[in-house]
Amino acid sequence: MRKEYFQLVVKELLSPNYGMFRYNEDVQLYYFNGQTFELNIYFELIGALMGIAVYNNTFIDLPFPMACFKVLIDEEPNLDDLRQWEPETAQSLESMLNWDETKMGGKMEDVICRTFTTDVESFGEIQQRELKEGGSKELVTTANVKEFVRLYIDWTFRRQCEL
């Protein structure tokens, strides 16, 4: 009875009606939506509810990527964590890390023209966010691609939640 209660509550909380979590259908996982209009106290209430479930020896299915737990224990998420949450994006970033000018047809900055930004969808509107100050003016090169990947992963799992 308790387990069913907690499962129903968690299912309701993860509902897209609230916009508190993003759902990746390809990997069937949820992650925090930094673009939500909900108050931070609601996330705290969800955490308290999960703590109550554990206190009552009730194990519930929490379909979150491992990066969620890494962030909670103040560990840095990495490319493997991104691969679990957004496999195609992780593959693209890995290709950038392994860039070979002779095989890829030229310098990274000339071929992909990528800046230190990311596009964020917020209720149907696409907004560009800088991964670092002045990022919209700085192209990703083979010399700074590791920094770009680190900042992108940090944005995905931490910074977008701080807005």
N, C-alpha and C. Protein backbone atom coordinates (compact mmCIF):
# COMPACT_ATOMS: atom_id res chain seq x y z
N MET A 1 0.82 -1.19 0.00
CA MET A 1 0.00 0.00 0.00
C MET A 1 0.87 1.26 0.00
N ARG A 2 1.91 1.29 0.88
CA ARG A 2 2.79 2.47 0.93
C ARG A 2 3.51 2.67 -0.39
N LYS A 3 4.05 1.58 -0.94
CA LYS A 3 4.80 1.68 -2.18
C LYS A 3 3.92 2.24 -3.29
N GLU A 4 2.71 1.75 -3.39
CA GLU A 4 1.79 2.23 -4.41
C GLU A 4 1.52 3.72 -4.23
N TYR A 5 1.36 4.16 -2.99
CA TYR A 5 1.12 5.58 -2.71
C TYR A 5 2.29 6.42 -3.22
N PHE A 6 3.51 6.03 -2.84
CA PHE A 6 4.68 6.80 -3.25
C PHE A 6 4.85 6.77 -4.77
N GLN A 7 4.58 5.64 -5.40
CA GLN A 7 4.70 5.56 -6.85
C GLN A 7 3.70 6.49 -7.54
N LEU A 8 2.50 6.55 -7.04
CA LEU A 8 1.48 7.44 -7.61
C LEU A 8 1.86 8.91 -7.43
N VAL A 9 2.38 9.24 -6.26
CA VAL A 9 2.80 10.63 -5.99
C VAL A 9 3.96 11.02 -6.90
N VAL A 10 4.97 10.15 -7.01
CA VAL A 10 6.12 10.44 -7.87
C VAL A 10 5.67 10.58 -9.32
N LYS A 11 4.79 9.71 -9.78
CA LYS A 11 4.29 9.79 -11.16
C LYS A 11 3.61 11.14 -11.40
N GLU A 12 2.84 11.59 -10.44
CA GLU A 12 2.15 12.88 -10.57
C GLU A 12 3.15 14.03 -10.58
N LEU A 13 4.15 13.96 -9.70
CA LEU A 13 5.15 15.04 -9.63
C LEU A 13 5.98 15.15 -10.90
N LEU A 14 6.23 14.02 -11.57
CA LEU A 14 7.02 14.01 -12.79
C LEU A 14 6.19 14.39 -14.02
N SER A 15 4.91 14.58 -13.83
CA SER A 15 3.99 14.91 -14.93
C SER A 15 4.43 16.18 -15.66
N PRO A 16 4.36 16.18 -16.98
CA PRO A 16 4.72 17.38 -17.74
C PRO A 16 3.78 18.56 -17.47
N ASN A 17 2.65 18.32 -16.82
CA ASN A 17 1.72 19.41 -16.49
C ASN A 17 2.37 20.47 -15.62
N TYR A 18 3.33 20.08 -14.80
CA TYR A 18 3.98 21.02 -13.90
C TYR A 18 5.23 21.64 -14.52
N GLY A 19 5.83 20.97 -15.47
CA GLY A 19 7.01 21.50 -16.13
C GLY A 19 8.25 21.54 -15.26
N MET A 20 8.26 20.77 -14.18
CA MET A 20 9.40 20.78 -13.27
C MET A 20 10.53 19.89 -13.75
N PHE A 21 10.19 18.93 -14.59
CA PHE A 21 11.18 17.98 -15.08
C PHE A 21 11.07 17.85 -16.59
N ARG A 22 12.20 17.63 -17.23
CA ARG A 22 12.22 17.33 -18.66
C ARG A 22 12.30 15.81 -18.80
N TYR A 23 11.65 15.29 -19.82
CA TYR A 23 11.65 13.85 -20.05
C TYR A 23 12.32 13.57 -21.38
N ASN A 24 13.30 12.69 -21.37
CA ASN A 24 13.95 12.25 -22.60
C ASN A 24 13.37 10.90 -22.95
N GLU A 25 12.51 10.90 -23.93
CA GLU A 25 11.79 9.68 -24.31
C GLU A 25 12.73 8.59 -24.82
N ASP A 26 13.82 8.99 -25.48
CA ASP A 26 14.75 8.01 -26.04
C ASP A 26 15.40 7.15 -24.96
N VAL A 27 15.71 7.74 -23.82
CA VAL A 27 16.37 7.00 -22.75
C VAL A 27 15.44 6.75 -21.56
N GLN A 28 14.24 7.28 -21.64
CA GLN A 28 13.20 7.11 -20.62
C GLN A 28 13.67 7.55 -19.23
N LEU A 29 14.26 8.76 -19.19
CA LEU A 29 14.73 9.34 -17.94
C LEU A 29 14.23 10.78 -17.82
N TYR A 30 14.18 11.25 -16.59
CA TYR A 30 13.79 12.62 -16.28
C TYR A 30 15.00 13.37 -15.73
N TYR A 31 14.99 14.70 -15.93
CA TYR A 31 15.97 15.55 -15.28
C TYR A 31 15.32 16.90 -15.00
N PHE A 32 15.90 17.64 -14.09
CA PHE A 32 15.34 18.92 -13.68
C PHE A 32 15.24 19.90 -14.85
N ASN A 33 14.16 20.63 -14.88
CA ASN A 33 13.94 21.64 -15.90
C ASN A 33 14.23 23.01 -15.29
N GLY A 34 15.34 23.60 -15.68
CA GLY A 34 15.72 24.90 -15.17
C GLY A 34 14.84 26.03 -15.68
N GLN A 35 13.98 25.74 -16.65
CA GLN A 35 13.12 26.77 -17.22
C GLN A 35 11.72 26.77 -16.62
N THR A 36 11.51 26.00 -15.56
CA THR A 36 10.18 25.92 -14.96
C THR A 36 9.81 27.21 -14.24
N PHE A 37 8.51 27.44 -14.13
CA PHE A 37 8.03 28.59 -13.38
C PHE A 37 7.69 28.22 -11.94
N GLU A 38 7.83 26.94 -11.61
CA GLU A 38 7.50 26.48 -10.27
C GLU A 38 8.54 26.98 -9.27
N LEU A 39 8.13 27.15 -8.05
CA LEU A 39 9.00 27.65 -6.99
C LEU A 39 9.98 26.58 -6.53
N ASN A 40 11.15 27.00 -6.07
CA ASN A 40 12.16 26.06 -5.59
C ASN A 40 11.67 25.21 -4.43
N ILE A 41 10.74 25.75 -3.63
CA ILE A 41 10.23 25.01 -2.48
C ILE A 41 9.57 23.70 -2.92
N TYR A 42 9.02 23.66 -4.12
CA TYR A 42 8.39 22.43 -4.60
C TYR A 42 9.43 21.33 -4.82
N PHE A 43 10.63 21.72 -5.28
CA PHE A 43 11.69 20.73 -5.43
C PHE A 43 12.13 20.22 -4.06
N GLU A 44 12.16 21.12 -3.09
CA GLU A 44 12.51 20.71 -1.73
C GLU A 44 11.46 19.75 -1.18
N LEU A 45 10.20 20.00 -1.48
CA LEU A 45 9.13 19.10 -1.02
C LEU A 45 9.26 17.72 -1.66
N ILE A 46 9.65 17.69 -2.93
CA ILE A 46 9.87 16.40 -3.60
C ILE A 46 11.00 15.65 -2.92
N GLY A 47 12.08 16.36 -2.59
CA GLY A 47 13.19 15.74 -1.88
C GLY A 47 12.76 15.21 -0.52
N ALA A 48 11.94 15.98 0.19
CA ALA A 48 11.45 15.52 1.49
C ALA A 48 10.58 14.27 1.33
N LEU A 49 9.75 14.26 0.32
CA LEU A 49 8.90 13.10 0.06
C LEU A 49 9.74 11.86 -0.23
N MET A 50 10.79 12.02 -1.01
CA MET A 50 11.66 10.89 -1.31
C MET A 50 12.37 10.42 -0.03
N GLY A 51 12.75 11.35 0.83
CA GLY A 51 13.36 11.00 2.10
C GLY A 51 12.38 10.23 2.99
N ILE A 52 11.13 10.63 2.99
CA ILE A 52 10.10 9.93 3.77
C ILE A 52 9.92 8.51 3.25
N ALA A 53 9.97 8.35 1.92
CA ALA A 53 9.85 7.00 1.35
C ALA A 53 10.99 6.11 1.83
N VAL A 54 12.21 6.63 1.82
CA VAL A 54 13.36 5.86 2.29
C VAL A 54 13.21 5.56 3.78
N TYR A 55 12.81 6.55 4.55
CA TYR A 55 12.62 6.37 5.99
C TYR A 55 11.62 5.25 6.28
N ASN A 56 10.62 5.11 5.43
CA ASN A 56 9.60 4.08 5.58
C ASN A 56 9.96 2.78 4.88
N ASN A 57 11.25 2.62 4.53
CA ASN A 57 11.71 1.40 3.85
C ASN A 57 10.90 1.09 2.60
N THR A 58 10.53 2.14 1.90
CA THR A 58 9.76 1.99 0.67
C THR A 58 10.64 2.44 -0.49
N PHE A 59 10.99 1.50 -1.33
CA PHE A 59 11.85 1.80 -2.46
C PHE A 59 10.99 2.12 -3.67
N ILE A 60 11.24 3.27 -4.25
CA ILE A 60 10.46 3.72 -5.40
C ILE A 60 11.38 3.88 -6.61
N ASP A 61 10.82 3.71 -7.77
CA ASP A 61 11.57 3.86 -9.01
C ASP A 61 11.71 5.35 -9.31
N LEU A 62 12.95 5.81 -9.34
CA LEU A 62 13.23 7.21 -9.66
C LEU A 62 14.01 7.23 -10.97
N PRO A 63 13.34 7.48 -12.08
CA PRO A 63 14.00 7.42 -13.39
C PRO A 63 14.82 8.67 -13.70
N PHE A 64 15.91 8.87 -12.95
CA PHE A 64 16.83 9.97 -13.15
C PHE A 64 18.17 9.42 -13.61
N PRO A 65 18.92 10.20 -14.39
CA PRO A 65 20.27 9.74 -14.76
C PRO A 65 21.20 9.79 -13.56
N MET A 66 22.27 9.04 -13.61
CA MET A 66 23.24 8.99 -12.52
C MET A 66 23.79 10.38 -12.19
N ALA A 67 23.84 11.26 -13.17
CA ALA A 67 24.35 12.61 -12.95
C ALA A 67 23.57 13.34 -11.86
N CYS A 68 22.30 13.05 -11.73
CA CYS A 68 21.48 13.68 -10.69
C CYS A 68 22.06 13.38 -9.32
N PHE A 69 22.43 12.15 -9.09
CA PHE A 69 22.97 11.76 -7.80
C PHE A 69 24.39 12.29 -7.61
N LYS A 70 25.15 12.38 -8.71
CA LYS A 70 26.49 12.96 -8.62
C LYS A 70 26.41 14.42 -8.19
N VAL A 71 25.46 15.15 -8.75
CA VAL A 71 25.30 16.56 -8.39
C VAL A 71 24.93 16.68 -6.91
N LEU A 72 24.08 15.79 -6.43
CA LEU A 72 23.66 15.84 -5.03
C LEU A 72 24.82 15.61 -4.06
N ILE A 73 25.81 14.81 -4.48
CA ILE A 73 26.96 14.55 -3.59
C ILE A 73 28.16 15.41 -3.99
N ASP A 74 27.91 16.43 -4.81
CA ASP A 74 28.91 17.40 -5.22
C ASP A 74 30.07 16.76 -6.00
N GLU A 75 29.72 15.83 -6.86
CA GLU A 75 30.69 15.21 -7.76
C GLU A 75 30.43 15.76 -9.16
N GLU A 76 31.47 15.91 -9.96
CA GLU A 76 31.33 16.48 -11.30
C GLU A 76 30.79 15.44 -12.28
N PRO A 77 29.66 15.73 -12.93
CA PRO A 77 29.21 14.85 -14.01
C PRO A 77 30.21 14.89 -15.17
N ASN A 78 30.26 13.83 -15.95
CA ASN A 78 31.21 13.76 -17.05
C ASN A 78 30.52 13.34 -18.35
N LEU A 79 31.31 13.08 -19.36
CA LEU A 79 30.76 12.72 -20.67
C LEU A 79 29.95 11.42 -20.61
N ASP A 80 30.34 10.48 -19.77
CA ASP A 80 29.57 9.25 -19.62
C ASP A 80 28.18 9.54 -19.05
N ASP A 81 28.09 10.49 -18.14
CA ASP A 81 26.79 10.88 -17.59
C ASP A 81 25.92 11.53 -18.67
N LEU A 82 26.53 12.37 -19.48
CA LEU A 82 25.79 12.99 -20.58
C LEU A 82 25.33 11.93 -21.58
N ARG A 83 26.18 10.92 -21.79
CA ARG A 83 25.84 9.83 -22.71
C ARG A 83 24.58 9.09 -22.22
N GLN A 84 24.42 8.98 -20.92
CA GLN A 84 23.23 8.33 -20.37
C GLN A 84 21.99 9.19 -20.57
N TRP A 85 22.13 10.51 -20.46
CA TRP A 85 20.99 11.42 -20.55
C TRP A 85 20.69 11.84 -22.00
N GLU A 86 21.72 12.21 -22.75
CA GLU A 86 21.56 12.65 -24.15
C GLU A 86 22.63 11.97 -25.01
N PRO A 87 22.40 10.72 -25.39
CA PRO A 87 23.43 9.95 -26.11
C PRO A 87 23.92 10.61 -27.41
N GLU A 88 23.02 11.20 -28.18
CA GLU A 88 23.43 11.80 -29.45
C GLU A 88 24.31 13.03 -29.23
N THR A 89 23.98 13.83 -28.24
CA THR A 89 24.79 15.00 -27.92
C THR A 89 26.17 14.58 -27.45
N ALA A 90 26.21 13.56 -26.59
CA ALA A 90 27.50 13.06 -26.10
C ALA A 90 28.35 12.54 -27.25
N GLN A 91 27.73 11.88 -28.21
CA GLN A 91 28.47 11.38 -29.36
C GLN A 91 29.03 12.54 -30.18
N SER A 92 28.27 13.60 -30.34
CA SER A 92 28.75 14.78 -31.07
C SER A 92 29.93 15.43 -30.36
N LEU A 93 29.82 15.55 -29.04
CA LEU A 93 30.91 16.15 -28.27
C LEU A 93 32.15 15.27 -28.32
N GLU A 94 31.97 13.97 -28.30
CA GLU A 94 33.10 13.05 -28.40
C GLU A 94 33.79 13.19 -29.76
N SER A 95 33.00 13.38 -30.81
CA SER A 95 33.57 13.61 -32.14
C SER A 95 34.40 14.89 -32.17
N MET A 96 33.91 15.90 -31.46
CA MET A 96 34.67 17.15 -31.39
C MET A 96 35.98 16.95 -30.63
N LEU A 97 35.93 16.18 -29.55
CA LEU A 97 37.15 15.91 -28.77
C LEU A 97 38.19 15.13 -29.58
N ASN A 98 37.72 14.31 -30.51
CA ASN A 98 38.62 13.47 -31.32
C ASN A 98 38.84 14.07 -32.72
N TRP A 99 38.65 15.35 -32.85
CA TRP A 99 38.74 16.03 -34.15
C TRP A 99 40.10 15.81 -34.80
N ASP A 100 40.06 15.41 -36.06
CA ASP A 100 41.27 15.23 -36.87
C ASP A 100 41.08 16.06 -38.13
N GLU A 101 41.84 17.13 -38.27
CA GLU A 101 41.66 18.05 -39.39
C GLU A 101 41.75 17.36 -40.74
N THR A 102 42.62 16.37 -40.87
CA THR A 102 42.79 15.70 -42.17
C THR A 102 41.57 14.86 -42.52
N LYS A 103 40.94 14.25 -41.52
CA LYS A 103 39.77 13.40 -41.78
C LYS A 103 38.48 14.20 -41.83
N MET A 104 38.44 15.32 -41.12
CA MET A 104 37.19 16.09 -41.00
C MET A 104 37.09 17.22 -42.02
N GLY A 105 38.10 17.43 -42.80
CA GLY A 105 38.01 18.43 -43.86
C GLY A 105 38.43 19.83 -43.46
N GLY A 106 39.18 19.97 -42.39
CA GLY A 106 39.67 21.29 -42.03
C GLY A 106 39.63 21.54 -40.53
N LYS A 107 39.88 22.80 -40.19
CA LYS A 107 39.88 23.20 -38.79
C LYS A 107 38.45 23.16 -38.23
N MET A 108 38.36 22.79 -36.97
CA MET A 108 37.06 22.67 -36.32
C MET A 108 36.26 23.96 -36.42
N GLU A 109 36.91 25.09 -36.13
CA GLU A 109 36.19 26.36 -36.13
C GLU A 109 35.68 26.74 -37.52
N ASP A 110 36.35 26.27 -38.58
CA ASP A 110 35.90 26.56 -39.95
C ASP A 110 34.79 25.62 -40.40
N VAL A 111 34.82 24.39 -39.90
CA VAL A 111 33.85 23.39 -40.36
C VAL A 111 32.54 23.45 -39.58
N ILE A 112 32.61 23.48 -38.25
CA ILE A 112 31.35 23.44 -37.49
C ILE A 112 30.89 24.81 -36.99
N CYS A 113 31.78 25.80 -36.97
CA CYS A 113 31.42 27.18 -36.58
C CYS A 113 30.62 27.22 -35.28
N ARG A 114 31.07 26.52 -34.28
CA ARG A 114 30.37 26.42 -32.98
C ARG A 114 30.95 27.43 -32.00
N THR A 115 30.08 28.12 -31.30
CA THR A 115 30.52 29.05 -30.26
C THR A 115 30.24 28.44 -28.88
N PHE A 116 30.70 29.11 -27.85
CA PHE A 116 30.48 28.65 -26.48
C PHE A 116 29.07 29.03 -26.02
N THR A 117 28.08 28.51 -26.72
CA THR A 117 26.68 28.77 -26.41
C THR A 117 25.90 27.47 -26.52
N THR A 118 24.69 27.50 -26.00
CA THR A 118 23.76 26.39 -26.17
C THR A 118 22.37 26.98 -26.38
N ASP A 119 21.55 26.26 -27.10
CA ASP A 119 20.17 26.68 -27.32
C ASP A 119 19.28 26.02 -26.28
N VAL A 120 18.41 26.81 -25.69
CA VAL A 120 17.52 26.33 -24.65
C VAL A 120 16.09 26.60 -25.07
N GLU A 121 15.25 25.55 -25.01
CA GLU A 121 13.85 25.75 -25.32
C GLU A 121 13.10 26.04 -24.03
N SER A 122 12.38 27.14 -24.04
CA SER A 122 11.61 27.54 -22.86
C SER A 122 10.19 27.82 -23.30
N PHE A 123 9.31 26.85 -23.06
CA PHE A 123 7.91 26.96 -23.39
C PHE A 123 7.68 27.40 -24.84
N GLY A 124 8.33 26.68 -25.75
CA GLY A 124 8.15 26.88 -27.17
C GLY A 124 9.06 27.92 -27.79
N GLU A 125 9.82 28.64 -27.00
CA GLU A 125 10.72 29.67 -27.51
C GLU A 125 12.17 29.22 -27.33
N ILE A 126 12.98 29.37 -28.38
CA ILE A 126 14.39 28.99 -28.32
C ILE A 126 15.21 30.22 -27.94
N GLN A 127 16.03 30.05 -26.89
CA GLN A 127 16.90 31.12 -26.44
C GLN A 127 18.33 30.61 -26.44
N GLN A 128 19.25 31.48 -26.80
CA GLN A 128 20.67 31.11 -26.79
C GLN A 128 21.28 31.56 -25.46
N ARG A 129 21.99 30.65 -24.80
CA ARG A 129 22.65 30.95 -23.53
C ARG A 129 24.15 30.76 -23.68
N GLU A 130 24.90 31.68 -23.11
CA GLU A 130 26.36 31.57 -23.14
C GLU A 130 26.83 30.60 -22.07
N LEU A 131 27.77 29.75 -22.45
CA LEU A 131 28.34 28.81 -21.49
C LEU A 131 29.39 29.49 -20.61
N LYS A 132 29.90 30.61 -21.09
CA LYS A 132 30.81 31.44 -20.30
C LYS A 132 30.66 32.86 -20.81
N GLU A 133 31.15 33.80 -20.04
CA GLU A 133 31.04 35.20 -20.43
C GLU A 133 31.75 35.43 -21.75
N GLY A 134 31.07 36.05 -22.69
CA GLY A 134 31.63 36.29 -24.01
C GLY A 134 31.62 35.07 -24.91
N GLY A 135 30.94 34.02 -24.49
CA GLY A 135 30.92 32.76 -25.23
C GLY A 135 30.32 32.85 -26.62
N SER A 136 29.42 33.78 -26.83
CA SER A 136 28.79 33.91 -28.15
C SER A 136 29.75 34.46 -29.19
N LYS A 137 30.88 35.00 -28.73
CA LYS A 137 31.87 35.58 -29.64
C LYS A 137 33.11 34.69 -29.80
N GLU A 138 33.16 33.56 -29.06
CA GLU A 138 34.34 32.70 -29.09
C GLU A 138 34.02 31.37 -29.78
N LEU A 139 34.75 31.07 -30.83
CA LEU A 139 34.57 29.81 -31.55
C LEU A 139 35.27 28.67 -30.82
N VAL A 140 34.67 27.48 -30.91
CA VAL A 140 35.28 26.28 -30.35
C VAL A 140 36.35 25.81 -31.32
N THR A 141 37.55 25.58 -30.80
CA THR A 141 38.69 25.12 -31.60
C THR A 141 39.24 23.85 -30.97
N THR A 142 40.20 23.23 -31.64
CA THR A 142 40.83 22.05 -31.06
C THR A 142 41.59 22.42 -29.78
N ALA A 143 41.99 23.66 -29.65
CA ALA A 143 42.72 24.10 -28.46
C ALA A 143 41.81 24.28 -27.24
N ASN A 144 40.52 24.62 -27.46
CA ASN A 144 39.64 24.88 -26.32
C ASN A 144 38.43 23.95 -26.25
N VAL A 145 38.42 22.89 -27.04
CA VAL A 145 37.26 21.99 -27.09
C VAL A 145 37.01 21.30 -25.76
N LYS A 146 38.07 20.96 -25.01
CA LYS A 146 37.87 20.32 -23.70
C LYS A 146 37.13 21.25 -22.75
N GLU A 147 37.47 22.53 -22.79
CA GLU A 147 36.77 23.51 -21.96
C GLU A 147 35.30 23.59 -22.36
N PHE A 148 35.04 23.61 -23.68
CA PHE A 148 33.67 23.66 -24.17
C PHE A 148 32.86 22.47 -23.67
N VAL A 149 33.42 21.27 -23.79
CA VAL A 149 32.71 20.05 -23.36
C VAL A 149 32.43 20.12 -21.86
N ARG A 150 33.42 20.52 -21.08
CA ARG A 150 33.24 20.62 -19.63
C ARG A 150 32.14 21.63 -19.29
N LEU A 151 32.16 22.78 -19.95
CA LEU A 151 31.15 23.81 -19.69
C LEU A 151 29.76 23.36 -20.15
N TYR A 152 29.70 22.64 -21.27
CA TYR A 152 28.41 22.15 -21.76
C TYR A 152 27.81 21.16 -20.77
N ILE A 153 28.62 20.24 -20.27
CA ILE A 153 28.14 19.25 -19.30
C ILE A 153 27.71 19.95 -18.01
N ASP A 154 28.50 20.93 -17.57
CA ASP A 154 28.16 21.69 -16.38
C ASP A 154 26.84 22.43 -16.58
N TRP A 155 26.65 23.00 -17.75
CA TRP A 155 25.39 23.70 -18.05
C TRP A 155 24.22 22.72 -17.98
N THR A 156 24.37 21.57 -18.61
CA THR A 156 23.28 20.61 -18.70
C THR A 156 22.84 20.11 -17.33
N PHE A 157 23.79 19.83 -16.46
CA PHE A 157 23.44 19.20 -15.19
C PHE A 157 23.42 20.15 -13.99
N ARG A 158 24.00 21.33 -14.10
CA ARG A 158 24.02 22.24 -12.95
C ARG A 158 23.47 23.62 -13.27
N ARG A 159 24.15 24.33 -14.13
CA ARG A 159 23.85 25.75 -14.33
C ARG A 159 22.44 26.01 -14.82
N GLN A 160 21.90 25.17 -15.70
CA GLN A 160 20.55 25.43 -16.20
C GLN A 160 19.53 25.31 -15.07
N CYS A 161 19.89 24.61 -14.01
CA CYS A 161 19.00 24.48 -12.85
C CYS A 161 19.08 25.68 -11.91
N GLU A 162 20.11 26.49 -12.07
CA GLU A 162 20.31 27.63 -11.18
C GLU A 162 19.62 28.89 -11.65
N LEU A 163 19.03 28.87 -12.82
CA LEU A 163 18.40 30.09 -13.35
C LEU A 163 17.17 30.50 -12.56
